N, C-alpha and C. Protein backbone atom coordinates (compact mmCIF):
# COMPACT_ATOMS: atom_id res chain seq x y z
N MET A 1 0.49 18.36 -15.85
CA MET A 1 0.76 16.93 -15.87
C MET A 1 1.62 16.53 -14.67
N LYS A 2 2.69 17.29 -14.42
CA LYS A 2 3.57 16.97 -13.31
C LYS A 2 2.85 17.15 -11.98
N LYS A 3 2.03 18.19 -11.89
CA LYS A 3 1.26 18.45 -10.66
C LYS A 3 0.28 17.31 -10.40
N THR A 4 -0.33 16.80 -11.45
CA THR A 4 -1.28 15.70 -11.32
C THR A 4 -0.58 14.43 -10.86
N ALA A 5 0.59 14.15 -11.44
CA ALA A 5 1.34 12.95 -11.05
C ALA A 5 1.78 13.04 -9.59
N LEU A 6 2.24 14.20 -9.17
CA LEU A 6 2.63 14.38 -7.77
C LEU A 6 1.44 14.20 -6.84
N GLY A 7 0.30 14.71 -7.25
CA GLY A 7 -0.92 14.57 -6.44
C GLY A 7 -1.35 13.12 -6.30
N ILE A 8 -1.27 12.38 -7.39
CA ILE A 8 -1.65 10.97 -7.35
C ILE A 8 -0.71 10.19 -6.43
N LEU A 9 0.60 10.45 -6.55
CA LEU A 9 1.57 9.76 -5.69
C LEU A 9 1.38 10.13 -4.22
N ALA A 10 1.17 11.41 -3.95
CA ALA A 10 0.99 11.86 -2.57
C ALA A 10 -0.27 11.25 -1.96
N LEU A 11 -1.35 11.26 -2.68
CA LEU A 11 -2.60 10.70 -2.16
C LEU A 11 -2.54 9.18 -2.04
N SER A 12 -1.75 8.54 -2.91
CA SER A 12 -1.55 7.09 -2.78
C SER A 12 -0.81 6.78 -1.48
N GLY A 13 0.18 7.59 -1.17
CA GLY A 13 0.89 7.41 0.09
C GLY A 13 -0.02 7.61 1.28
N LEU A 14 -0.89 8.60 1.19
CA LEU A 14 -1.83 8.85 2.29
C LEU A 14 -2.81 7.68 2.42
N ALA A 15 -3.26 7.15 1.31
CA ALA A 15 -4.17 6.00 1.34
C ALA A 15 -3.48 4.78 1.95
N LEU A 16 -2.20 4.59 1.63
CA LEU A 16 -1.46 3.46 2.21
C LEU A 16 -1.24 3.63 3.71
N THR A 17 -1.41 4.82 4.20
CA THR A 17 -1.29 5.07 5.63
C THR A 17 -2.65 4.91 6.34
N LEU A 18 -3.73 5.22 5.66
CA LEU A 18 -5.04 5.21 6.30
C LEU A 18 -5.84 3.92 6.14
N ILE A 19 -5.69 3.23 5.03
CA ILE A 19 -6.53 2.05 4.75
C ILE A 19 -6.09 0.78 5.49
N PRO A 20 -4.79 0.48 5.62
CA PRO A 20 -4.39 -0.77 6.27
C PRO A 20 -4.94 -0.99 7.69
N PRO A 21 -5.02 0.02 8.56
CA PRO A 21 -5.60 -0.26 9.88
C PRO A 21 -7.05 -0.73 9.82
N VAL A 22 -7.79 -0.22 8.86
CA VAL A 22 -9.18 -0.65 8.69
C VAL A 22 -9.22 -2.11 8.25
N LEU A 23 -8.30 -2.49 7.36
CA LEU A 23 -8.25 -3.87 6.88
C LEU A 23 -7.82 -4.83 7.99
N VAL A 24 -6.95 -4.40 8.87
CA VAL A 24 -6.56 -5.24 10.01
C VAL A 24 -7.75 -5.39 10.95
N PHE A 25 -8.48 -4.33 11.16
CA PHE A 25 -9.66 -4.38 12.04
C PHE A 25 -10.70 -5.36 11.52
N THR A 26 -10.87 -5.41 10.20
CA THR A 26 -11.85 -6.33 9.62
C THR A 26 -11.29 -7.74 9.46
N GLY A 27 -10.00 -7.92 9.70
CA GLY A 27 -9.40 -9.25 9.59
C GLY A 27 -8.93 -9.60 8.20
N SER A 28 -8.88 -8.64 7.30
CA SER A 28 -8.47 -8.89 5.92
C SER A 28 -6.97 -8.79 5.70
N LEU A 29 -6.24 -8.29 6.69
CA LEU A 29 -4.81 -8.04 6.53
C LEU A 29 -4.10 -8.39 7.83
N SER A 30 -2.90 -8.96 7.70
CA SER A 30 -2.13 -9.30 8.90
C SER A 30 -1.48 -8.04 9.48
N ASN A 31 -1.08 -8.13 10.71
CA ASN A 31 -0.47 -7.00 11.39
C ASN A 31 0.87 -6.63 10.75
N GLN A 32 1.65 -7.64 10.37
CA GLN A 32 2.95 -7.37 9.75
C GLN A 32 2.78 -6.69 8.39
N ALA A 33 1.80 -7.12 7.61
CA ALA A 33 1.54 -6.48 6.31
C ALA A 33 1.09 -5.04 6.51
N GLN A 34 0.30 -4.80 7.56
CA GLN A 34 -0.14 -3.44 7.88
C GLN A 34 1.07 -2.54 8.13
N LYS A 35 1.99 -3.02 8.93
CA LYS A 35 3.17 -2.22 9.25
C LYS A 35 3.98 -1.91 8.00
N THR A 36 4.10 -2.88 7.12
CA THR A 36 4.85 -2.68 5.87
C THR A 36 4.16 -1.64 4.99
N PHE A 37 2.86 -1.79 4.78
CA PHE A 37 2.12 -0.85 3.94
C PHE A 37 2.14 0.56 4.52
N MET A 38 1.99 0.66 5.84
CA MET A 38 1.98 1.98 6.46
C MET A 38 3.35 2.65 6.39
N ALA A 39 4.41 1.87 6.50
CA ALA A 39 5.76 2.44 6.38
C ALA A 39 6.01 2.96 4.96
N ILE A 40 5.59 2.18 3.98
CA ILE A 40 5.73 2.62 2.58
C ILE A 40 4.89 3.87 2.34
N GLY A 41 3.66 3.88 2.85
CA GLY A 41 2.78 5.03 2.68
C GLY A 41 3.34 6.28 3.34
N MET A 42 3.90 6.11 4.55
CA MET A 42 4.47 7.25 5.27
C MET A 42 5.64 7.85 4.48
N LEU A 43 6.53 6.98 4.02
CA LEU A 43 7.69 7.47 3.25
C LEU A 43 7.25 8.16 1.97
N LEU A 44 6.28 7.57 1.28
CA LEU A 44 5.79 8.16 0.04
C LEU A 44 5.13 9.51 0.30
N TRP A 45 4.29 9.60 1.32
CA TRP A 45 3.60 10.84 1.64
C TRP A 45 4.58 11.95 2.01
N PHE A 46 5.53 11.65 2.92
CA PHE A 46 6.45 12.69 3.36
C PHE A 46 7.47 13.06 2.29
N ALA A 47 7.73 12.18 1.35
CA ALA A 47 8.68 12.49 0.28
C ALA A 47 8.03 13.31 -0.84
N ILE A 48 6.77 13.08 -1.12
CA ILE A 48 6.11 13.69 -2.28
C ILE A 48 5.23 14.89 -1.91
N ALA A 49 4.52 14.82 -0.80
CA ALA A 49 3.53 15.85 -0.46
C ALA A 49 4.09 17.27 -0.41
N PRO A 50 5.28 17.51 0.14
CA PRO A 50 5.76 18.90 0.16
C PRO A 50 5.91 19.51 -1.23
N PHE A 51 6.33 18.71 -2.19
CA PHE A 51 6.47 19.22 -3.56
C PHE A 51 5.12 19.44 -4.21
N TRP A 52 4.16 18.57 -3.90
CA TRP A 52 2.82 18.70 -4.45
C TRP A 52 2.13 19.93 -3.86
N ILE A 53 2.23 20.12 -2.57
CA ILE A 53 1.61 21.28 -1.92
C ILE A 53 2.28 22.57 -2.37
N LYS A 54 3.60 22.55 -2.50
CA LYS A 54 4.32 23.74 -2.95
C LYS A 54 3.86 24.16 -4.34
N ARG A 55 3.65 23.20 -5.22
CA ARG A 55 3.21 23.50 -6.57
C ARG A 55 1.77 23.98 -6.61
N ALA A 56 0.97 23.57 -5.63
CA ALA A 56 -0.44 23.95 -5.62
C ALA A 56 -0.63 25.43 -5.28
N GLN A 57 0.36 26.04 -4.64
CA GLN A 57 0.21 27.44 -4.24
C GLN A 57 0.43 28.38 -5.38
């Protein structure tokens, strides 16, 4: 259960880092919103992913 929750959070952070540039390219998202989403995604990914990967081993 804990491993699954960590995985969901880590992948959500990764998605928040990868999806916003595509939305800006299509005109669906402003540049400032992109920066905000990507910053949140980066912090979430780097905070959670090491624990998720460590547990996966």
